[in-house]
């Protein structure tokens, strides 16, 4: 699960960078929503990794 979230986060980061630099043309709403998904999945990824390491 941690690995899957890590891969998802990497893909979301690449999407955010490419859409922010206008390499990919997407509406601002899509960019904003994927940013919110990125924040949530990164937090979940970090919490699960901490729990797996210390729990």
Protein backbone atom coordinates (compact mmCIF):
# COMPACT_ATOMS: atom_id res chain seq x y z
CA UNK A 1 0.00 0.00 0.00
CA UNK A 2 2.84 2.38 0.85
CA UNK A 3 4.56 1.64 -2.44
CA UNK A 4 1.35 2.17 -4.42
CA UNK A 5 0.77 5.53 -2.72
CA UNK A 6 4.38 6.50 -3.42
CA UNK A 7 3.98 5.76 -7.12
CA UNK A 8 0.66 7.61 -7.18
CA UNK A 9 2.28 10.61 -5.49
CA UNK A 10 5.12 10.64 -8.01
CA UNK A 11 2.65 10.61 -10.90
CA UNK A 12 0.60 13.38 -9.30
CA UNK A 13 3.72 15.48 -8.75
CA UNK A 14 4.73 15.04 -12.39
CA UNK A 15 1.21 16.01 -13.46
CA UNK A 16 1.20 19.07 -11.20
CA UNK A 17 4.57 20.25 -12.51
CA UNK A 18 3.69 19.68 -16.15
CA UNK A 19 0.30 21.36 -15.86
CA UNK A 20 1.73 24.22 -13.80
CA UNK A 21 4.39 24.88 -16.42
CA UNK A 22 1.69 24.58 -19.12
CA UNK A 23 3.30 21.59 -20.81
CA UNK A 24 -0.14 19.98 -20.45
CA UNK A 25 -3.12 22.28 -20.91
CA UNK A 26 -5.74 21.61 -18.23
CA UNK A 27 -8.27 23.90 -16.59
CA UNK A 28 -7.25 25.46 -13.29
CA UNK A 29 -9.97 23.51 -11.46
CA UNK A 30 -8.42 20.20 -12.49
CA UNK A 31 -4.98 21.42 -11.38
CA UNK A 32 -6.45 22.50 -8.03
CA UNK A 33 -8.33 19.22 -7.45
CA UNK A 34 -5.33 17.04 -8.27
CA UNK A 35 -3.27 19.19 -5.90
CA UNK A 36 -5.75 18.43 -3.14
CA UNK A 37 -5.59 14.71 -3.94
CA UNK A 38 -1.79 14.95 -3.85
CA UNK A 39 -1.79 16.55 -0.39
CA UNK A 40 -4.17 13.90 0.98
CA UNK A 41 -2.34 10.95 -0.57
CA UNK A 42 1.08 12.27 0.49
CA UNK A 43 -0.13 12.66 4.08
CA UNK A 44 -1.61 9.15 4.05
CA UNK A 45 1.59 7.78 2.51
CA UNK A 46 3.70 9.41 5.21
CA UNK A 47 1.46 8.31 8.06
CA UNK A 48 1.39 4.73 6.84
CA UNK A 49 5.17 4.71 6.43
CA UNK A 50 5.67 6.03 9.97
CA UNK A 51 3.21 3.48 11.34
CA UNK A 52 4.91 0.65 9.46
CA UNK A 53 8.31 1.74 10.75
CA UNK A 54 7.44 2.41 14.39
CA UNK A 55 4.11 0.64 14.90
